[in-house]
N, C-alpha and C. Protein backbone atom coordinates (compact mmCIF):
# COMPACT_ATOMS: atom_id res chain seq x y z
N MET A 1 0.78 -1.34 0.05
CA MET A 1 -0.01 0.04 0.15
C MET A 1 0.83 1.24 0.04
N LEU A 2 2.01 1.37 0.82
CA LEU A 2 2.78 2.35 0.90
C LEU A 2 3.55 2.63 -0.38
N GLN A 3 3.84 1.42 -0.99
CA GLN A 3 4.55 1.60 -2.15
C GLN A 3 3.84 2.28 -3.38
N ARG A 4 2.47 1.89 -3.33
CA ARG A 4 1.40 2.42 -4.28
C ARG A 4 1.24 4.02 -3.94
N ILE A 5 1.15 4.34 -2.74
CA ILE A 5 0.93 5.75 -2.46
C ILE A 5 2.23 6.51 -2.91
N PHE A 6 3.49 5.91 -2.76
CA PHE A 6 4.77 6.70 -3.25
C PHE A 6 4.58 6.93 -4.69
N VAL A 7 3.96 5.90 -5.47
CA VAL A 7 4.03 5.78 -7.09
C VAL A 7 3.01 6.73 -7.57
N LEU A 8 1.99 6.67 -6.69
CA LEU A 8 0.75 7.71 -7.06
C LEU A 8 1.33 9.09 -6.90
N ALA A 9 1.99 9.40 -5.86
CA ALA A 9 2.49 10.77 -5.49
C ALA A 9 3.60 11.33 -6.55
N ALA A 10 4.43 10.27 -7.01
CA ALA A 10 5.48 10.60 -8.01
C ALA A 10 4.68 10.84 -9.26
N VAL A 11 3.61 10.21 -9.77
CA VAL A 11 2.91 10.49 -11.00
C VAL A 11 2.15 11.70 -10.93
N LEU A 12 1.57 12.03 -9.76
CA LEU A 12 0.92 13.45 -9.58
C LEU A 12 2.09 14.45 -9.60
N SER A 13 3.18 14.25 -9.09
CA SER A 13 4.23 15.30 -9.01
C SER A 13 4.68 15.60 -10.44
N VAL A 14 5.01 14.68 -11.28
CA VAL A 14 5.50 14.76 -12.72
C VAL A 14 4.25 15.44 -13.44
N ALA A 15 3.14 15.01 -13.22
CA ALA A 15 1.97 15.80 -14.03
C ALA A 15 1.82 17.12 -13.60
N GLY A 16 2.08 17.56 -12.28
CA GLY A 16 2.04 18.94 -11.97
C GLY A 16 3.15 19.66 -12.62
N VAL A 17 4.32 19.09 -12.74
CA VAL A 17 5.37 19.76 -13.24
C VAL A 17 5.32 19.96 -14.88
N ALA A 18 4.53 19.03 -15.48
CA ALA A 18 4.16 18.98 -16.91
C ALA A 18 3.09 20.15 -17.13
N ASP A 19 2.30 20.16 -16.21
CA ASP A 19 1.08 21.35 -16.37
C ASP A 19 1.71 22.55 -16.26
N SER A 20 2.55 22.70 -15.25
CA SER A 20 3.22 23.86 -14.92
C SER A 20 4.00 24.56 -16.14
N ASP A 21 4.89 23.48 -16.79
CA ASP A 21 5.59 23.82 -17.83
C ASP A 21 4.80 24.26 -19.10
N ALA A 22 3.60 23.58 -19.20
CA ALA A 22 2.82 23.76 -20.29
C ALA A 22 2.11 25.23 -20.15
N ALA A 23 1.70 25.39 -18.82
CA ALA A 23 1.07 26.77 -18.75
C ALA A 23 2.19 27.98 -18.90
N ARG A 24 3.57 27.79 -18.44
CA ARG A 24 4.38 28.72 -18.96
C ARG A 24 4.66 28.85 -20.36
N ARG A 25 4.60 27.77 -21.01
CA ARG A 25 4.94 27.66 -22.40
C ARG A 25 3.84 28.21 -23.29
N TYR A 26 2.62 28.24 -22.89
CA TYR A 26 1.42 28.64 -23.69
C TYR A 26 0.78 29.59 -23.13
N LYS A 27 1.38 30.57 -22.41
CA LYS A 27 0.68 31.86 -22.06
C LYS A 27 0.29 32.75 -23.14
N ILE A 28 -0.91 33.44 -23.03
CA ILE A 28 -1.12 34.41 -23.76
C ILE A 28 -0.40 35.73 -23.64
N ALA A 29 0.10 36.34 -24.70
CA ALA A 29 0.96 37.45 -24.49
C ALA A 29 0.43 38.64 -25.20
N ARG A 30 0.57 39.74 -24.34
CA ARG A 30 0.22 40.93 -24.88
C ARG A 30 1.38 41.85 -25.08
N ARG A 31 1.62 42.34 -26.19
CA ARG A 31 2.84 43.15 -26.28
C ARG A 31 2.87 44.59 -26.80
N GLU A 32 3.15 45.28 -25.87
CA GLU A 32 3.17 46.76 -26.19
C GLU A 32 4.53 47.28 -26.85
N CYS A 33 4.28 48.20 -27.79
CA CYS A 33 5.59 48.60 -28.67
C CYS A 33 5.66 49.95 -28.99
N VAL A 34 7.00 50.22 -29.15
CA VAL A 34 7.21 51.68 -29.85
C VAL A 34 7.88 51.35 -31.18
N GLU A 35 7.41 52.08 -32.22
CA GLU A 35 7.85 51.66 -33.54
C GLU A 35 8.46 52.89 -34.30
N TYR A 36 9.18 52.67 -35.39
CA TYR A 36 9.75 53.62 -36.29
C TYR A 36 9.40 53.11 -37.71
N ALA A 37 8.68 53.96 -38.51
CA ALA A 37 8.28 53.40 -39.77
C ALA A 37 9.20 54.30 -40.85
N ILE A 38 9.51 53.61 -41.79
CA ILE A 38 10.30 54.16 -42.90
C ILE A 38 9.35 54.32 -43.96
N GLY A 39 9.10 55.68 -44.31
CA GLY A 39 8.57 56.20 -45.57
C GLY A 39 7.58 55.30 -46.29
N GLY A 40 7.96 55.11 -47.62
CA GLY A 40 7.08 54.49 -48.66
C GLY A 40 6.51 55.42 -49.62
N ALA A 41 6.01 54.89 -50.69
CA ALA A 41 5.57 55.68 -51.79
C ALA A 41 4.55 54.88 -52.69
N PHE A 42 3.58 55.56 -53.02
CA PHE A 42 2.69 54.99 -54.29
C PHE A 42 3.44 55.42 -55.64
N SER A 43 3.42 54.46 -56.49
CA SER A 43 3.96 54.53 -57.72
C SER A 43 3.32 55.78 -58.63
N ARG A 44 3.66 55.79 -59.97
CA ARG A 44 3.37 56.68 -60.84
C ARG A 44 1.78 56.85 -60.99
N GLY A 45 1.07 57.82 -61.07
CA GLY A 45 -0.38 58.15 -61.28
C GLY A 45 -0.64 59.45 -61.85
N THR A 46 -1.93 59.65 -61.77
CA THR A 46 -2.51 61.03 -62.23
C THR A 46 -3.25 61.53 -61.20
N TYR A 47 -3.22 62.94 -61.10
CA TYR A 47 -3.92 63.82 -60.25
C TYR A 47 -5.18 64.42 -61.10
N ALA A 48 -6.42 63.59 -60.91
CA ALA A 48 -7.36 63.74 -62.06
C ALA A 48 -8.46 64.68 -61.72
N GLY A 49 -8.86 65.62 -62.61
CA GLY A 49 -9.84 66.47 -62.23
C GLY A 49 -10.21 67.44 -63.46
N THR A 50 -10.41 68.67 -63.40
CA THR A 50 -10.66 69.52 -64.52
C THR A 50 -9.39 69.39 -65.43
N GLU A 51 -8.26 69.34 -64.86
CA GLU A 51 -6.99 69.07 -65.65
C GLU A 51 -6.28 67.89 -65.04
N ASP A 52 -5.85 67.04 -65.97
CA ASP A 52 -5.13 65.71 -65.55
C ASP A 52 -3.67 66.15 -65.48
N VAL A 53 -3.02 65.81 -64.40
CA VAL A 53 -1.53 66.22 -64.11
C VAL A 53 -1.00 64.70 -63.72
N ASP A 54 0.04 64.30 -64.54
CA ASP A 54 0.71 63.13 -64.06
C ASP A 54 1.74 63.49 -62.99
N PHE A 55 1.93 62.39 -62.37
CA PHE A 55 2.95 62.59 -61.13
C PHE A 55 3.75 61.38 -60.98
N ARG A 56 4.83 61.38 -60.58
CA ARG A 56 5.92 60.25 -60.09
C ARG A 56 5.49 59.36 -59.09
N ASN A 57 5.20 60.02 -57.89
CA ASN A 57 4.64 59.12 -56.85
C ASN A 57 4.08 60.04 -55.84
N LEU A 58 3.26 59.42 -54.82
CA LEU A 58 3.18 60.05 -53.43
C LEU A 58 3.83 59.33 -52.49
N GLY A 59 4.68 60.23 -51.95
CA GLY A 59 5.76 59.64 -50.91
C GLY A 59 5.33 60.09 -49.35
N LEU A 60 5.72 59.14 -48.42
CA LEU A 60 5.44 59.23 -47.14
C LEU A 60 6.74 59.52 -46.54
N LYS A 61 6.65 60.38 -45.41
CA LYS A 61 7.77 60.62 -44.57
C LYS A 61 8.04 59.60 -43.42
N ASN A 62 9.23 59.49 -43.13
CA ASN A 62 9.53 58.54 -41.97
C ASN A 62 9.15 59.14 -40.59
N GLY A 63 8.65 58.26 -39.71
CA GLY A 63 8.29 58.84 -38.47
C GLY A 63 7.95 57.65 -37.33
N ALA A 64 7.87 58.34 -36.20
CA ALA A 64 7.48 57.33 -35.11
C ALA A 64 5.93 56.71 -35.02
N ALA A 65 5.90 55.68 -34.55
CA ALA A 65 4.67 55.05 -34.49
C ALA A 65 4.29 54.35 -33.17
N TYR A 66 3.19 53.86 -32.85
CA TYR A 66 3.01 52.99 -31.74
C TYR A 66 2.11 51.84 -32.04
N GLY A 67 2.09 50.82 -31.21
CA GLY A 67 1.03 49.86 -31.34
C GLY A 67 1.02 48.85 -30.29
N ALA A 68 0.16 47.77 -30.51
CA ALA A 68 0.09 46.79 -29.59
C ALA A 68 -0.45 45.44 -30.27
N ASP A 69 -0.06 44.09 -29.75
CA ASP A 69 -0.69 43.21 -30.31
C ASP A 69 -0.90 41.99 -29.43
N LEU A 70 -1.67 41.06 -29.77
CA LEU A 70 -1.79 39.89 -28.81
C LEU A 70 -1.57 38.53 -29.42
N ALA A 71 -0.81 37.74 -28.83
CA ALA A 71 -0.46 36.50 -29.36
C ALA A 71 -1.05 35.51 -28.52
N ILE A 72 -1.73 34.61 -29.10
CA ILE A 72 -2.54 33.40 -28.52
C ILE A 72 -1.83 32.05 -29.07
N PRO A 73 -1.23 31.29 -28.00
CA PRO A 73 -0.68 29.95 -28.70
C PRO A 73 -1.58 29.03 -29.12
N ILE A 74 -1.13 28.34 -30.20
CA ILE A 74 -1.91 27.40 -30.66
C ILE A 74 -1.12 25.90 -30.80
N SER A 75 0.32 26.21 -30.53
CA SER A 75 1.11 24.93 -30.41
C SER A 75 2.38 25.51 -29.86
N ARG A 76 3.24 24.47 -29.57
CA ARG A 76 4.54 24.91 -28.77
C ARG A 76 5.49 26.13 -29.76
N LYS A 77 5.28 26.11 -30.93
CA LYS A 77 5.92 26.78 -31.76
C LYS A 77 5.29 27.89 -32.69
N ALA A 78 3.79 27.81 -32.55
CA ALA A 78 3.02 28.54 -33.34
C ALA A 78 2.02 29.41 -32.67
N ARG A 79 1.90 30.65 -32.88
CA ARG A 79 1.11 31.56 -32.12
C ARG A 79 -0.07 32.35 -33.19
N PHE A 80 -1.19 32.41 -32.81
CA PHE A 80 -2.17 33.39 -33.72
C PHE A 80 -1.95 34.73 -33.13
N VAL A 81 -1.74 35.75 -33.94
CA VAL A 81 -1.58 37.08 -33.40
C VAL A 81 -2.50 38.08 -34.24
N ALA A 82 -2.89 39.05 -33.33
CA ALA A 82 -3.56 40.19 -33.82
C ALA A 82 -3.05 41.46 -33.38
N SER A 83 -2.86 42.29 -34.50
CA SER A 83 -2.03 43.47 -34.17
C SER A 83 -2.65 44.83 -34.57
N TYR A 84 -2.38 46.07 -33.89
CA TYR A 84 -2.59 47.28 -34.35
C TYR A 84 -1.42 48.23 -34.36
N ALA A 85 -1.26 48.84 -35.25
CA ALA A 85 -0.19 49.87 -35.51
C ALA A 85 -0.66 51.19 -36.03
N ARG A 86 -0.10 52.44 -35.54
CA ARG A 86 -0.67 53.53 -35.87
C ARG A 86 0.50 54.45 -35.97
N GLN A 87 0.47 55.40 -37.28
CA GLN A 87 1.52 56.15 -37.45
C GLN A 87 1.01 57.52 -37.93
N SER A 88 1.46 58.62 -37.42
CA SER A 88 1.28 60.04 -37.85
C SER A 88 2.37 60.43 -38.85
N THR A 89 2.07 60.70 -40.08
CA THR A 89 3.09 61.07 -40.90
C THR A 89 2.54 62.13 -41.93
N SER A 90 3.24 62.57 -43.04
CA SER A 90 2.76 63.43 -44.09
C SER A 90 2.94 62.97 -45.44
N MET A 91 2.35 63.41 -46.28
CA MET A 91 2.59 62.89 -47.63
C MET A 91 2.88 64.22 -48.66
N ASP A 92 3.90 63.71 -49.56
CA ASP A 92 4.43 64.56 -50.64
C ASP A 92 4.00 64.09 -51.96
N LEU A 93 3.84 65.02 -52.90
CA LEU A 93 3.83 64.67 -54.36
C LEU A 93 5.02 65.06 -55.10
N LYS A 94 5.51 63.91 -55.87
CA LYS A 94 6.78 64.48 -56.84
C LYS A 94 6.07 64.43 -58.14
N ASP A 95 6.31 65.49 -58.84
CA ASP A 95 5.76 65.67 -60.19
C ASP A 95 6.67 64.97 -61.30
N ALA A 96 6.22 65.30 -62.64
CA ALA A 96 7.18 64.77 -63.66
C ALA A 96 8.35 65.43 -63.60
N GLN A 97 8.71 66.52 -63.12
CA GLN A 97 9.86 67.20 -63.17
C GLN A 97 10.70 67.18 -61.83
N THR A 98 10.28 66.13 -60.99
CA THR A 98 10.82 65.68 -59.74
C THR A 98 10.64 66.89 -58.70
N ALA A 99 10.01 67.76 -58.88
CA ALA A 99 9.81 68.87 -57.64
C ALA A 99 8.85 68.17 -56.60
N THR A 100 9.23 68.32 -55.55
CA THR A 100 8.55 67.79 -54.41
C THR A 100 7.47 68.85 -53.66
N LEU A 101 6.26 68.44 -53.60
CA LEU A 101 5.05 69.48 -53.15
C LEU A 101 4.53 68.71 -51.87
N PRO A 102 4.57 69.54 -50.76
CA PRO A 102 3.87 69.03 -49.75
C PRO A 102 2.41 68.91 -49.82
N LEU A 103 1.53 67.71 -49.43
CA LEU A 103 0.22 67.69 -49.76
C LEU A 103 -0.73 67.73 -48.41
N MET A 104 -0.47 66.67 -47.60
CA MET A 104 -1.25 66.63 -46.51
C MET A 104 -0.64 65.76 -45.25
N ASP A 105 -1.11 65.95 -44.07
CA ASP A 105 -0.79 65.19 -42.83
C ASP A 105 -1.71 63.94 -42.99
N LEU A 106 -1.27 62.99 -42.49
CA LEU A 106 -1.90 61.62 -42.67
C LEU A 106 -1.72 60.66 -41.59
N THR A 107 -2.67 59.89 -41.15
CA THR A 107 -2.54 58.92 -40.17
C THR A 107 -2.80 57.49 -40.70
N LEU A 108 -1.82 56.69 -40.57
CA LEU A 108 -2.05 55.32 -41.13
C LEU A 108 -2.56 54.31 -39.90
N ASN A 109 -3.48 53.63 -40.04
CA ASN A 109 -3.81 52.70 -39.13
C ASN A 109 -3.88 51.16 -39.57
N TYR A 110 -2.92 50.37 -39.24
CA TYR A 110 -2.72 48.98 -39.74
C TYR A 110 -3.42 48.00 -38.63
N VAL A 111 -4.50 47.34 -39.09
CA VAL A 111 -5.12 46.34 -38.27
C VAL A 111 -4.83 45.01 -38.98
N GLN A 112 -4.26 44.14 -38.35
CA GLN A 112 -3.74 42.89 -38.97
C GLN A 112 -4.05 41.73 -38.12
N ALA A 113 -3.95 40.71 -38.69
CA ALA A 113 -4.19 39.14 -37.93
C ALA A 113 -3.29 38.17 -38.62
N GLY A 114 -2.76 37.24 -38.18
CA GLY A 114 -2.09 36.17 -38.77
C GLY A 114 -1.34 35.31 -37.84
N PHE A 115 -0.04 34.72 -38.11
CA PHE A 115 0.51 33.73 -37.43
C PHE A 115 2.06 34.11 -37.33
N ALA A 116 2.60 33.86 -35.98
CA ALA A 116 4.00 33.88 -35.45
C ALA A 116 4.57 32.41 -35.41
N PHE A 117 5.79 32.26 -35.79
CA PHE A 117 6.41 30.94 -35.70
C PHE A 117 7.58 31.12 -34.97
N HIS A 118 7.74 30.36 -33.79
CA HIS A 118 8.91 30.66 -32.70
C HIS A 118 9.73 29.46 -32.93
N TYR A 119 11.20 29.69 -32.64
CA TYR A 119 12.08 28.79 -32.48
C TYR A 119 12.52 28.79 -30.92
N PRO A 120 11.86 27.95 -30.11
CA PRO A 120 12.24 28.08 -28.65
C PRO A 120 13.80 27.70 -28.42
N GLN A 121 14.18 28.64 -27.48
CA GLN A 121 15.63 28.46 -27.17
C GLN A 121 15.78 29.47 -25.86
N ARG A 122 16.86 29.43 -25.05
CA ARG A 122 17.22 30.24 -23.95
C ARG A 122 17.76 31.58 -24.61
N GLY A 123 17.65 32.52 -23.78
CA GLY A 123 18.24 33.97 -24.24
C GLY A 123 17.25 34.49 -25.25
N TRP A 124 17.82 35.01 -26.35
CA TRP A 124 17.02 35.62 -27.30
C TRP A 124 16.56 34.77 -28.38
N ALA A 125 15.24 34.48 -28.42
CA ALA A 125 14.71 33.50 -29.27
C ALA A 125 14.10 34.11 -30.48
N PRO A 126 14.39 33.67 -31.76
CA PRO A 126 14.05 34.24 -33.04
C PRO A 126 12.58 33.79 -33.37
N TYR A 127 12.05 34.63 -34.10
CA TYR A 127 10.50 34.07 -34.60
C TYR A 127 10.39 35.08 -35.96
N ALA A 128 9.30 34.48 -36.74
CA ALA A 128 8.86 34.98 -37.94
C ALA A 128 7.38 35.26 -37.75
N VAL A 129 6.90 36.38 -38.41
CA VAL A 129 5.46 36.43 -38.32
C VAL A 129 4.87 36.94 -39.73
N TRP A 130 3.83 36.44 -40.05
CA TRP A 130 2.86 36.89 -41.28
C TRP A 130 1.73 37.41 -40.74
N THR A 131 1.11 38.59 -41.39
CA THR A 131 -0.16 38.94 -41.11
C THR A 131 -1.07 39.60 -42.30
N VAL A 132 -2.15 39.67 -42.20
CA VAL A 132 -3.05 40.23 -43.41
C VAL A 132 -4.12 40.91 -42.70
N GLY A 133 -4.55 42.07 -43.06
CA GLY A 133 -5.67 42.82 -42.71
C GLY A 133 -5.92 44.15 -43.69
N VAL A 134 -6.02 45.33 -43.02
CA VAL A 134 -6.25 46.53 -43.79
C VAL A 134 -5.31 47.56 -43.10
N ASN A 135 -5.17 48.61 -44.09
CA ASN A 135 -4.61 49.98 -43.77
C ASN A 135 -5.80 50.96 -43.89
N HIS A 136 -6.01 51.64 -42.87
CA HIS A 136 -7.01 52.75 -42.81
C HIS A 136 -6.22 53.97 -42.87
N MET A 137 -6.26 54.84 -43.75
CA MET A 137 -5.47 55.92 -44.13
C MET A 137 -6.44 57.13 -43.96
N VAL A 138 -6.14 58.06 -43.08
CA VAL A 138 -7.08 59.09 -42.62
C VAL A 138 -6.16 60.52 -42.89
N PRO A 139 -6.68 61.34 -43.90
CA PRO A 139 -5.94 62.55 -44.04
C PRO A 139 -6.55 63.54 -42.85
N LYS A 140 -5.77 64.48 -42.49
CA LYS A 140 -6.25 65.44 -41.53
C LYS A 140 -6.77 66.70 -42.18
N GLU A 141 -6.66 66.89 -43.63
CA GLU A 141 -7.36 67.93 -44.28
C GLU A 141 -8.45 67.33 -44.80
N THR A 142 -9.18 68.08 -45.92
CA THR A 142 -10.45 67.74 -46.37
C THR A 142 -10.63 66.50 -47.25
N PHE A 143 -9.36 65.95 -47.58
CA PHE A 143 -9.33 64.63 -48.44
C PHE A 143 -10.18 63.55 -47.77
N GLU A 144 -10.64 62.76 -48.58
CA GLU A 144 -11.45 61.50 -48.16
C GLU A 144 -10.51 60.45 -47.59
N SER A 145 -10.89 59.60 -46.59
CA SER A 145 -10.01 58.66 -46.07
C SER A 145 -9.98 57.43 -46.89
N MET A 146 -9.23 56.41 -46.74
CA MET A 146 -9.22 55.25 -47.55
C MET A 146 -8.72 54.21 -46.90
N THR A 147 -9.52 52.98 -47.09
CA THR A 147 -9.21 51.82 -46.52
C THR A 147 -8.88 50.66 -47.58
N ARG A 148 -7.67 50.11 -47.46
CA ARG A 148 -7.29 49.16 -48.52
C ARG A 148 -6.55 47.83 -47.83
N VAL A 149 -6.61 46.81 -48.43
CA VAL A 149 -5.86 45.35 -48.08
C VAL A 149 -4.53 45.65 -48.00
N ALA A 150 -3.99 45.13 -46.70
CA ALA A 150 -2.54 45.21 -46.40
C ALA A 150 -2.15 44.04 -45.72
N THR A 151 -0.85 43.71 -45.89
CA THR A 151 -0.12 42.59 -45.36
C THR A 151 1.10 43.10 -44.71
N GLY A 152 1.67 42.05 -43.85
CA GLY A 152 2.93 42.39 -43.13
C GLY A 152 3.83 41.17 -43.02
N LEU A 153 5.03 41.12 -43.21
CA LEU A 153 6.13 39.86 -43.13
C LEU A 153 7.09 40.41 -42.32
N GLY A 154 7.52 39.80 -41.00
CA GLY A 154 8.50 40.23 -40.21
C GLY A 154 9.30 39.18 -39.54
N LEU A 155 10.56 39.75 -39.06
CA LEU A 155 11.46 38.76 -38.25
C LEU A 155 11.71 39.43 -37.00
N GLY A 156 11.80 38.76 -35.75
CA GLY A 156 11.99 39.47 -34.65
C GLY A 156 12.85 38.36 -33.55
N PHE A 157 13.05 38.84 -32.48
CA PHE A 157 13.68 38.18 -31.32
C PHE A 157 12.84 38.56 -30.20
N LYS A 158 12.72 37.71 -29.09
CA LYS A 158 12.20 37.92 -27.72
C LYS A 158 13.01 37.24 -26.90
N HIS A 159 12.95 37.84 -25.69
CA HIS A 159 13.79 37.50 -24.52
C HIS A 159 12.95 37.45 -23.20
N GLY A 160 12.80 36.27 -22.55
CA GLY A 160 12.04 36.39 -21.25
C GLY A 160 12.85 36.75 -20.12
N LEU A 161 12.21 37.82 -19.20
CA LEU A 161 13.05 38.36 -18.27
C LEU A 161 12.30 37.40 -16.88
N SER A 162 11.10 37.00 -17.05
CA SER A 162 10.54 36.29 -16.04
C SER A 162 9.30 35.50 -16.70
N ASP A 163 8.42 34.69 -16.00
CA ASP A 163 7.36 34.10 -16.60
C ASP A 163 6.31 34.99 -17.12
N ARG A 164 6.31 36.14 -16.68
CA ARG A 164 5.35 37.08 -17.14
C ARG A 164 5.86 38.40 -17.84
N LEU A 165 7.10 38.60 -17.86
CA LEU A 165 7.61 39.91 -18.62
C LEU A 165 8.88 39.46 -19.46
N GLY A 166 8.85 40.04 -20.50
CA GLY A 166 9.85 39.92 -21.57
C GLY A 166 10.11 40.95 -22.46
N LEU A 167 11.07 41.01 -23.20
CA LEU A 167 11.45 41.98 -24.13
C LEU A 167 11.39 41.43 -25.70
N ARG A 168 11.14 42.32 -26.67
CA ARG A 168 11.24 41.88 -27.84
C ARG A 168 11.74 43.09 -28.93
N VAL A 169 12.45 42.66 -29.95
CA VAL A 169 12.56 43.60 -31.12
C VAL A 169 12.25 42.85 -32.44
N GLN A 170 11.92 43.75 -33.38
CA GLN A 170 11.08 43.10 -34.57
C GLN A 170 11.61 44.11 -35.86
N VAL A 171 11.61 43.42 -37.03
CA VAL A 171 11.54 44.39 -38.23
C VAL A 171 10.54 43.68 -39.10
N ARG A 172 9.84 44.55 -39.84
CA ARG A 172 8.77 44.02 -40.57
C ARG A 172 8.38 44.95 -41.86
N ALA A 173 8.08 44.31 -42.89
CA ALA A 173 7.81 45.13 -44.05
C ALA A 173 6.16 45.05 -44.25
N LEU A 174 5.49 46.17 -44.40
CA LEU A 174 4.29 46.44 -44.70
C LEU A 174 3.90 46.83 -45.87
N GLY A 175 2.87 46.19 -46.45
CA GLY A 175 2.43 46.52 -47.93
C GLY A 175 0.92 46.71 -48.00
N THR A 176 0.50 47.96 -48.75
CA THR A 176 -0.78 48.16 -48.93
C THR A 176 -1.17 48.04 -50.22
N TYR A 177 -1.98 47.45 -50.73
CA TYR A 177 -2.34 47.07 -52.17
C TYR A 177 -3.36 48.13 -52.66
N ILE A 178 -2.83 48.95 -53.81
CA ILE A 178 -3.92 49.80 -54.46
C ILE A 178 -4.05 49.28 -55.93
N THR A 179 -5.43 49.28 -56.30
CA THR A 179 -5.71 48.54 -57.50
C THR A 179 -5.96 49.71 -58.62
N THR A 180 -5.96 49.35 -59.81
CA THR A 180 -6.22 50.41 -61.09
C THR A 180 -7.62 51.05 -60.91
N SER A 181 -8.45 50.53 -60.12
CA SER A 181 -9.86 51.03 -60.05
C SER A 181 -10.00 52.13 -58.90
N ASP A 182 -8.95 52.20 -58.18
CA ASP A 182 -8.88 52.94 -57.02
C ASP A 182 -8.60 54.57 -57.41
N ALA A 183 -9.45 55.38 -56.82
CA ALA A 183 -9.39 56.70 -56.72
C ALA A 183 -9.13 57.13 -55.34
N ALA A 184 -7.67 57.56 -55.16
CA ALA A 184 -7.15 57.80 -53.68
C ALA A 184 -7.41 59.28 -53.12
N PHE A 185 -7.90 59.56 -52.12
CA PHE A 185 -7.74 60.80 -51.54
C PHE A 185 -8.38 61.97 -52.25
N CYS A 186 -9.57 61.40 -52.59
CA CYS A 186 -10.46 62.56 -53.29
C CYS A 186 -10.78 63.79 -52.57
N ASP A 187 -10.76 64.88 -52.95
CA ASP A 187 -11.19 66.08 -52.42
C ASP A 187 -12.52 66.51 -52.77
N PRO A 188 -13.62 66.32 -51.75
CA PRO A 188 -15.08 66.58 -52.15
C PRO A 188 -15.17 68.11 -52.55
N ALA A 189 -14.33 69.04 -52.14
CA ALA A 189 -14.49 70.41 -52.51
C ALA A 189 -14.21 70.60 -53.98
N THR A 190 -13.28 70.14 -54.69
CA THR A 190 -12.86 70.46 -55.89
C THR A 190 -13.29 69.09 -56.79
N GLY A 191 -13.25 67.92 -56.41
CA GLY A 191 -13.53 66.76 -57.09
C GLY A 191 -12.27 66.12 -57.79
N PHE A 192 -11.15 66.55 -57.21
CA PHE A 192 -10.03 66.05 -57.68
C PHE A 192 -9.58 64.70 -57.11
N CYS A 193 -9.06 63.73 -57.71
CA CYS A 193 -8.62 62.55 -57.02
C CYS A 193 -7.26 61.95 -57.56
N TYR A 194 -6.58 61.20 -56.82
CA TYR A 194 -5.23 60.66 -57.34
C TYR A 194 -5.59 59.26 -57.91
N GLU A 195 -5.21 58.97 -59.02
CA GLU A 195 -5.54 57.79 -59.75
C GLU A 195 -4.38 57.14 -60.17
N PHE A 196 -4.48 55.83 -60.50
CA PHE A 196 -3.35 54.90 -60.63
C PHE A 196 -3.54 53.91 -61.97
N PRO A 197 -2.82 54.00 -62.99
CA PRO A 197 -3.17 53.39 -64.19
C PRO A 197 -2.70 51.88 -64.09
N ASN A 198 -1.82 51.55 -63.10
CA ASN A 198 -1.52 50.24 -62.90
C ASN A 198 -1.67 49.81 -61.34
N SER A 199 -1.98 48.76 -60.98
CA SER A 199 -1.85 48.25 -59.70
C SER A 199 -0.70 48.51 -59.14
N THR A 200 -0.61 49.08 -57.81
CA THR A 200 0.55 49.38 -57.04
C THR A 200 0.63 49.01 -55.51
N TRP A 201 1.68 48.95 -55.01
CA TRP A 201 1.83 48.74 -53.60
C TRP A 201 2.44 49.95 -52.89
N LEU A 202 1.89 50.24 -51.73
CA LEU A 202 2.66 51.14 -50.74
C LEU A 202 3.49 50.25 -49.95
N TRP A 203 4.69 50.41 -49.86
CA TRP A 203 5.54 49.43 -48.95
C TRP A 203 6.21 50.38 -47.80
N GLN A 204 6.36 49.83 -46.66
CA GLN A 204 6.93 50.59 -45.51
C GLN A 204 7.69 49.62 -44.79
N GLY A 205 8.80 50.14 -44.24
CA GLY A 205 9.66 49.43 -43.28
C GLY A 205 9.09 49.66 -42.02
N GLU A 206 9.27 48.67 -40.98
CA GLU A 206 9.04 49.24 -39.56
C GLU A 206 9.88 48.38 -38.54
N PHE A 207 10.41 49.14 -37.61
CA PHE A 207 11.31 48.83 -36.66
C PHE A 207 10.50 48.86 -35.27
N THR A 208 10.51 47.72 -34.64
CA THR A 208 9.68 47.77 -33.29
C THR A 208 10.55 47.28 -32.22
N GLY A 209 10.26 48.01 -31.06
CA GLY A 209 10.87 47.32 -29.81
C GLY A 209 9.96 47.72 -28.58
N GLY A 210 9.80 46.67 -27.62
CA GLY A 210 8.65 46.77 -26.60
C GLY A 210 8.78 45.65 -25.74
N LEU A 211 7.84 45.65 -24.76
CA LEU A 211 7.68 44.87 -23.71
C LEU A 211 6.68 43.63 -24.07
N VAL A 212 6.92 42.51 -23.57
CA VAL A 212 5.84 41.27 -23.56
C VAL A 212 5.40 40.95 -22.43
N LEU A 213 4.07 40.93 -22.20
CA LEU A 213 3.45 40.80 -20.82
C LEU A 213 2.47 39.41 -21.05
N ALA A 214 2.86 38.43 -20.32
CA ALA A 214 2.12 37.22 -20.37
C ALA A 214 1.04 36.96 -19.31
N PHE A 215 0.04 36.31 -19.75
CA PHE A 215 -0.93 36.20 -18.64
C PHE A 215 -1.90 34.92 -18.95
């Protein structure tokens, strides 16, 4: 009888350790971050209205951003992630003669969901992330806002400081898809719109650093 009790206690102890390890391994993580976004540009198009004017591109300025995401474990190495990133920037127009004209202040709102794939190891552990969603672009002037399909692909490293706190750094490419049927940033007062003869992408680079909070 005593031997059976010892065996049962050992089994329960091992199960408890396993459950504890699983709990640590599969915690949901909320990640607050500060970001820096690198420019980006829409390709050649036309400023269409009473007089059509061709331009080389619409360019965005570099600038700080902020965001947060939620990572929900689905296996030891995979996470479902949902993220939000916001950048306040400004847009310039480069005309056919390469002159740069300031246009508008603009806020970009990336709302994304996808998957992160981790390589568990001690110290700084690498991971890759892929997301898809939308980019909601809101001008601060009278121009109309625009929402388009967007995707992101990134690489990063995270480092656990404790069971509930960690650090992470990440680089990511963000792309917003603009089709030939799009009329972008129309001005209701004048009827002018920015149009694109060919489908194009707005690509941005993003550098991220922040805290990981697990619960």
